[in-house]
Amino acid sequence: MKQYAKLLKYKNNCAVAYARNGACGACGFVIRPQVRIEIQQRNKINYCENCGRILMEKFEDL
């Protein structure tokens, strides 16, 4: 929770970014293949290596 609050403060109220086409949706940094797999598995919190925002995939409607 503290990390999220810190990100909100320093990233203009945008602490979470969606992974789009293999890149961070906020800064455009290309995400490494291993990190892409980890994001898809949703077992841990992943951060963009460039901007530090929390990365996640959009949820697909079932």
PDB file of N, CA and C in Angstrom:
ATOM      1  N   MET A   1       0.817  -1.179   0.000  1.00  0.00           N
ATOM      2  CA  MET A   1       0.000   0.000   0.000  1.00  0.00           C
ATOM      3  C   MET A   1       0.872   1.258   0.000  1.00  0.00           C
ATOM      4  N   LYS A   2       1.964   1.202   0.759  1.00  0.00           N
ATOM      5  CA  LYS A   2       2.860   2.359   0.806  1.00  0.00           C
ATOM      6  C   LYS A   2       3.486   2.623  -0.558  1.00  0.00           C
ATOM      7  N   GLN A   3       3.880   1.551  -1.246  1.00  0.00           N
ATOM      8  CA  GLN A   3       4.485   1.698  -2.577  1.00  0.00           C
ATOM      9  C   GLN A   3       3.488   2.314  -3.548  1.00  0.00           C
ATOM     10  N   TYR A   4       2.229   1.894  -3.485  1.00  0.00           N
ATOM     11  CA  TYR A   4       1.199   2.427  -4.362  1.00  0.00           C
ATOM     12  C   TYR A   4       0.976   3.913  -4.079  1.00  0.00           C
ATOM     13  N   ALA A   5       0.907   4.285  -2.815  1.00  0.00           N
ATOM     14  CA  ALA A   5       0.727   5.693  -2.445  1.00  0.00           C
ATOM     15  C   ALA A   5       1.901   6.541  -2.924  1.00  0.00           C
ATOM     16  N   LYS A   6       3.103   6.000  -2.820  1.00  0.00           N
ATOM     17  CA  LYS A   6       4.286   6.715  -3.286  1.00  0.00           C
ATOM     18  C   LYS A   6       4.243   6.919  -4.806  1.00  0.00           C
ATOM     19  N   LEU A   7       3.822   5.884  -5.526  1.00  0.00           N
ATOM     20  CA  LEU A   7       3.708   5.994  -6.982  1.00  0.00           C
ATOM     21  C   LEU A   7       2.667   7.048  -7.369  1.00  0.00           C
ATOM     22  N   LEU A   8       1.540   7.062  -6.670  1.00  0.00           N
ATOM     23  CA  LEU A   8       0.519   8.067  -6.955  1.00  0.00           C
ATOM     24  C   LEU A   8       1.066   9.477  -6.793  1.00  0.00           C
ATOM     25  N   LYS A   9       1.844   9.659  -5.762  1.00  0.00           N
ATOM     26  CA  LYS A   9       2.387  10.982  -5.468  1.00  0.00           C
ATOM     27  C   LYS A   9       3.375  11.442  -6.545  1.00  0.00           C
ATOM     28  N   TYR A  10       4.256  10.561  -6.971  1.00  0.00           N
ATOM     29  CA  TYR A  10       5.340  10.948  -7.872  1.00  0.00           C
ATOM     30  C   TYR A  10       5.051  10.728  -9.364  1.00  0.00           C
ATOM     31  N   LYS A  11       3.972  10.052  -9.697  1.00  0.00           N
ATOM     32  CA  LYS A  11       3.669   9.757 -11.105  1.00  0.00           C
ATOM     33  C   LYS A  11       2.365  10.420 -11.555  1.00  0.00           C
ATOM     34  N   ASN A  12       2.068  11.586 -11.052  1.00  0.00           N
ATOM     35  CA  ASN A  12       0.879  12.360 -11.458  1.00  0.00           C
ATOM     36  C   ASN A  12      -0.411  11.555 -11.363  1.00  0.00           C
ATOM     37  N   ASN A  13      -0.620  10.896 -10.231  1.00  0.00           N
ATOM     38  CA  ASN A  13      -1.828  10.110  -9.962  1.00  0.00           C
ATOM     39  C   ASN A  13      -2.053   8.985 -10.963  1.00  0.00           C
ATOM     40  N   CYS A  14      -0.997   8.475 -11.548  1.00  0.00           N
ATOM     41  CA  CYS A  14      -1.084   7.350 -12.478  1.00  0.00           C
ATOM     42  C   CYS A  14      -0.055   6.300 -12.054  1.00  0.00           C
ATOM     43  N   ALA A  15      -0.469   5.427 -11.130  1.00  0.00           N
ATOM     44  CA  ALA A  15       0.457   4.454 -10.571  1.00  0.00           C
ATOM     45  C   ALA A  15       0.442   3.126 -11.307  1.00  0.00           C
ATOM     46  N   VAL A  16      -0.601   2.882 -12.099  1.00  0.00           N
ATOM     47  CA  VAL A  16      -0.757   1.605 -12.788  1.00  0.00           C
ATOM     48  C   VAL A  16      -0.797   1.853 -14.291  1.00  0.00           C
ATOM     49  N   ALA A  17      -0.108   0.999 -15.043  1.00  0.00           N
ATOM     50  CA  ALA A  17      -0.112   1.098 -16.504  1.00  0.00           C
ATOM     51  C   ALA A  17      -0.421  -0.269 -17.088  1.00  0.00           C
ATOM     52  N   TYR A  18      -1.182  -0.275 -18.166  1.00  0.00           N
ATOM     53  CA  TYR A  18      -1.468  -1.517 -18.869  1.00  0.00           C
ATOM     54  C   TYR A  18      -0.334  -1.840 -19.828  1.00  0.00           C
ATOM     55  N   ALA A  19      -0.041  -3.126 -19.947  1.00  0.00           N
ATOM     56  CA  ALA A  19       0.932  -3.584 -20.938  1.00  0.00           C
ATOM     57  C   ALA A  19       0.220  -3.649 -22.282  1.00  0.00           C
ATOM     58  N   ARG A  20       0.722  -2.892 -23.256  1.00  0.00           N
ATOM     59  CA  ARG A  20       0.097  -2.848 -24.583  1.00  0.00           C
ATOM     60  C   ARG A  20       1.108  -3.246 -25.645  1.00  0.00           C
ATOM     61  N   ASN A  21       0.801  -4.285 -26.377  1.00  0.00           N
ATOM     62  CA  ASN A  21       1.664  -4.757 -27.471  1.00  0.00           C
ATOM     63  C   ASN A  21       3.114  -4.954 -27.027  1.00  0.00           C
ATOM     64  N   GLY A  22       3.287  -5.482 -25.832  1.00  0.00           N
ATOM     65  CA  GLY A  22       4.628  -5.773 -25.339  1.00  0.00           C
ATOM     66  C   GLY A  22       5.388  -4.580 -24.818  1.00  0.00           C
ATOM     67  N   ALA A  23       4.682  -3.466 -24.546  1.00  0.00           N
ATOM     68  CA  ALA A  23       5.340  -2.272 -24.030  1.00  0.00           C
ATOM     69  C   ALA A  23       4.499  -1.669 -22.914  1.00  0.00           C
ATOM     70  N   CYS A  24       5.123  -0.866 -22.083  1.00  0.00           N
ATOM     71  CA  CYS A  24       4.425  -0.157 -21.008  1.00  0.00           C
ATOM     72  C   CYS A  24       3.490   0.865 -21.643  1.00  0.00           C
ATOM     73  N   GLY A  25       2.243   0.885 -21.207  1.00  0.00           N
ATOM     74  CA  GLY A  25       1.276   1.819 -21.751  1.00  0.00           C
ATOM     75  C   GLY A  25       1.517   3.252 -21.337  1.00  0.00           C
ATOM     76  N   ALA A  26       2.330   3.480 -20.308  1.00  0.00           N
ATOM     77  CA  ALA A  26       2.591   4.837 -19.832  1.00  0.00           C
ATOM     78  C   ALA A  26       3.811   5.459 -20.501  1.00  0.00           C
ATOM     79  N   CYS A  27       4.913   4.717 -20.556  1.00  0.00           N
ATOM     80  CA  CYS A  27       6.156   5.300 -21.077  1.00  0.00           C
ATOM     81  C   CYS A  27       6.608   4.699 -22.400  1.00  0.00           C
ATOM     82  N   GLY A  28       6.026   3.562 -22.799  1.00  0.00           N
ATOM     83  CA  GLY A  28       6.385   2.946 -24.075  1.00  0.00           C
ATOM     84  C   GLY A  28       7.609   2.057 -24.036  1.00  0.00           C
ATOM     85  N   PHE A  29       8.164   1.826 -22.861  1.00  0.00           N
ATOM     86  CA  PHE A  29       9.344   0.980 -22.717  1.00  0.00           C
ATOM     87  C   PHE A  29       8.984  -0.462 -23.060  1.00  0.00           C
ATOM     88  N   VAL A  30       9.796  -1.126 -23.864  1.00  0.00           N
ATOM     89  CA  VAL A  30       9.545  -2.508 -24.279  1.00  0.00           C
ATOM     90  C   VAL A  30       9.785  -3.442 -23.094  1.00  0.00           C
ATOM     91  N   ILE A  31       8.792  -4.262 -22.812  1.00  0.00           N
ATOM     92  CA  ILE A  31       8.849  -5.188 -21.677  1.00  0.00           C
ATOM     93  C   ILE A  31       9.560  -6.458 -22.101  1.00  0.00           C
ATOM     94  N   ARG A  32      10.499  -6.922 -21.271  1.00  0.00           N
ATOM     95  CA  ARG A  32      11.224  -8.152 -21.558  1.00  0.00           C
ATOM     96  C   ARG A  32      10.258  -9.341 -21.601  1.00  0.00           C
ATOM     97  N   PRO A  33      10.562 -10.359 -22.424  1.00  0.00           N
ATOM     98  CA  PRO A  33       9.669 -11.521 -22.550  1.00  0.00           C
ATOM     99  C   PRO A  33       9.362 -12.216 -21.218  1.00  0.00           C
ATOM    100  N   GLN A  34      10.347 -12.345 -20.350  1.00  0.00           N
ATOM    101  CA  GLN A  34      10.104 -13.010 -19.069  1.00  0.00           C
ATOM    102  C   GLN A  34       9.116 -12.218 -18.216  1.00  0.00           C
ATOM    103  N   VAL A  35       9.228 -10.919 -18.234  1.00  0.00           N
ATOM    104  CA  VAL A  35       8.307 -10.077 -17.466  1.00  0.00           C
ATOM    105  C   VAL A  35       6.901 -10.160 -18.056  1.00  0.00           C
ATOM    106  N   ARG A  36       6.790 -10.252 -19.371  1.00  0.00           N
ATOM    107  CA  ARG A  36       5.474 -10.417 -20.010  1.00  0.00           C
ATOM    108  C   ARG A  36       4.787 -11.677 -19.499  1.00  0.00           C
ATOM    109  N   ILE A  37       5.545 -12.765 -19.405  1.00  0.00           N
ATOM    110  CA  ILE A  37       4.997 -14.026 -18.905  1.00  0.00           C
ATOM    111  C   ILE A  37       4.543 -13.868 -17.457  1.00  0.00           C
ATOM    112  N   GLU A  38       5.347 -13.208 -16.650  1.00  0.00           N
ATOM    113  CA  GLU A  38       4.992 -13.001 -15.244  1.00  0.00           C
ATOM    114  C   GLU A  38       3.735 -12.150 -15.098  1.00  0.00           C
ATOM    115  N   ILE A  39       3.567 -11.159 -15.962  1.00  0.00           N
ATOM    116  CA  ILE A  39       2.369 -10.323 -15.926  1.00  0.00           C
ATOM    117  C   ILE A  39       1.144 -11.167 -16.261  1.00  0.00           C
ATOM    118  N   GLN A  40       1.260 -12.043 -17.239  1.00  0.00           N
ATOM    119  CA  GLN A  40       0.152 -12.901 -17.632  1.00  0.00           C
ATOM    120  C   GLN A  40      -0.223 -13.882 -16.528  1.00  0.00           C
ATOM    121  N   GLN A  41       0.767 -14.353 -15.761  1.00  0.00           N
ATOM    122  CA  GLN A  41       0.506 -15.315 -14.697  1.00  0.00           C
ATOM    123  C   GLN A  41      -0.160 -14.677 -13.482  1.00  0.00           C
ATOM    124  N   ARG A  42       0.051 -13.388 -13.279  1.00  0.00           N
ATOM    125  CA  ARG A  42      -0.558 -12.628 -12.174  1.00  0.00           C
ATOM    126  C   ARG A  42      -0.245 -13.221 -10.803  1.00  0.00           C
ATOM    127  N   ASN A  43       0.989 -13.705 -10.616  1.00  0.00           N
ATOM    128  CA  ASN A  43       1.398 -14.259  -9.325  1.00  0.00           C
ATOM    129  C   ASN A  43       2.088 -13.240  -8.432  1.00  0.00           C
ATOM    130  N   LYS A  44       2.572 -12.162  -9.020  1.00  0.00           N
ATOM    131  CA  LYS A  44       3.258 -11.143  -8.240  1.00  0.00           C
ATOM    132  C   LYS A  44       3.066  -9.785  -8.895  1.00  0.00           C
ATOM    133  N   ILE A  45       3.437  -8.747  -8.187  1.00  0.00           N
ATOM    134  CA  ILE A  45       3.334  -7.394  -8.716  1.00  0.00           C
ATOM    135  C   ILE A  45       4.578  -7.115  -9.546  1.00  0.00           C
ATOM    136  N   ASN A  46       4.370  -6.664 -10.784  1.00  0.00           N
ATOM    137  CA  ASN A  46       5.469  -6.348 -11.689  1.00  0.00           C
ATOM    138  C   ASN A  46       5.493  -4.853 -11.942  1.00  0.00           C
ATOM    139  N   TYR A  47       6.699  -4.313 -12.003  1.00  0.00           N
ATOM    140  CA  TYR A  47       6.882  -2.885 -12.221  1.00  0.00           C
ATOM    141  C   TYR A  47       7.600  -2.658 -13.542  1.00  0.00           C
ATOM    142  N   CYS A  48       7.292  -1.543 -14.189  1.00  0.00           N
ATOM    143  CA  CYS A  48       8.002  -1.159 -15.401  1.00  0.00           C
ATOM    144  C   CYS A  48       9.442  -0.843 -15.026  1.00  0.00           C
ATOM    145  N   GLU A  49      10.373  -1.367 -15.788  1.00  0.00           N
ATOM    146  CA  GLU A  49      11.787  -1.161 -15.494  1.00  0.00           C
ATOM    147  C   GLU A  49      12.226   0.267 -15.793  1.00  0.00           C
ATOM    148  N   ASN A  50      11.427   1.004 -16.552  1.00  0.00           N
ATOM    149  CA  ASN A  50      11.791   2.364 -16.919  1.00  0.00           C
ATOM    150  C   ASN A  50      11.119   3.399 -16.018  1.00  0.00           C
ATOM    151  N   CYS A  51       9.794   3.385 -15.953  1.00  0.00           N
ATOM    152  CA  CYS A  51       9.075   4.428 -15.215  1.00  0.00           C
ATOM    153  C   CYS A  51       8.672   4.007 -13.806  1.00  0.00           C
ATOM    154  N   GLY A  52       8.711   2.704 -13.496  1.00  0.00           N
ATOM    155  CA  GLY A  52       8.421   2.227 -12.146  1.00  0.00           C
ATOM    156  C   GLY A  52       6.958   1.988 -11.843  1.00  0.00           C
ATOM    157  N   ARG A  53       6.072   2.207 -12.810  1.00  0.00           N
ATOM    158  CA  ARG A  53       4.647   1.990 -12.566  1.00  0.00           C
ATOM    159  C   ARG A  53       4.339   0.492 -12.494  1.00  0.00           C
ATOM    160  N   ILE A  54       3.243   0.178 -11.821  1.00  0.00           N
ATOM    161  CA  ILE A  54       2.783  -1.202 -11.730  1.00  0.00           C
ATOM    162  C   ILE A  54       2.220  -1.603 -13.088  1.00  0.00           C
ATOM    163  N   LEU A  55       2.667  -2.734 -13.601  1.00  0.00           N
ATOM    164  CA  LEU A  55       2.212  -3.215 -14.906  1.00  0.00           C
ATOM    165  C   LEU A  55       1.164  -4.297 -14.737  1.00  0.00           C
ATOM    166  N   MET A  56       0.147  -4.237 -15.569  1.00  0.00           N
ATOM    167  CA  MET A  56      -0.864  -5.293 -15.576  1.00  0.00           C
ATOM    168  C   MET A  56      -1.471  -5.402 -16.959  1.00  0.00           C
ATOM    169  N   GLU A  57      -2.085  -6.535 -17.228  1.00  0.00           N
ATOM    170  CA  GLU A  57      -2.790  -6.754 -18.484  1.00  0.00           C
ATOM    171  C   GLU A  57      -4.239  -6.372 -18.298  1.00  0.00           C
ATOM    172  N   LYS A  58      -4.869  -5.943 -19.384  1.00  0.00           N
ATOM    173  CA  LYS A  58      -6.304  -5.697 -19.312  1.00  0.00           C
ATOM    174  C   LYS A  58      -7.025  -7.023 -19.164  1.00  0.00           C
ATOM    175  N   PHE A  59      -8.083  -7.017 -18.378  1.00  0.00           N
ATOM    176  CA  PHE A  59      -8.872  -8.219 -18.204  1.00  0.00           C
ATOM    177  C   PHE A  59      -9.798  -8.387 -19.385  1.00  0.00           C
ATOM    178  N   GLU A  60      -9.847  -9.579 -19.906  1.00  0.00           N
ATOM    179  CA  GLU A  60     -10.711  -9.894 -21.053  1.00  0.00           C
ATOM    180  C   GLU A  60     -12.082 -10.302 -20.527  1.00  0.00           C
ATOM    181  N   ASP A  61     -13.123  -9.869 -21.212  1.00  0.00           N
ATOM    182  CA  ASP A  61     -14.477 -10.282 -20.852  1.00  0.00           C
ATOM    183  C   ASP A  61     -14.668 -11.747 -21.188  1.00  0.00           C
ATOM    184  N   LEU A  62     -15.299 -12.468 -20.295  1.00  0.00           N
ATOM    185  CA  LEU A  62     -15.526 -13.902 -20.519  1.00  0.00           C
ATOM    186  C   LEU A  62     -16.898 -14.137 -21.066  1.00  0.00           C
TER     187      LEU A  62
END
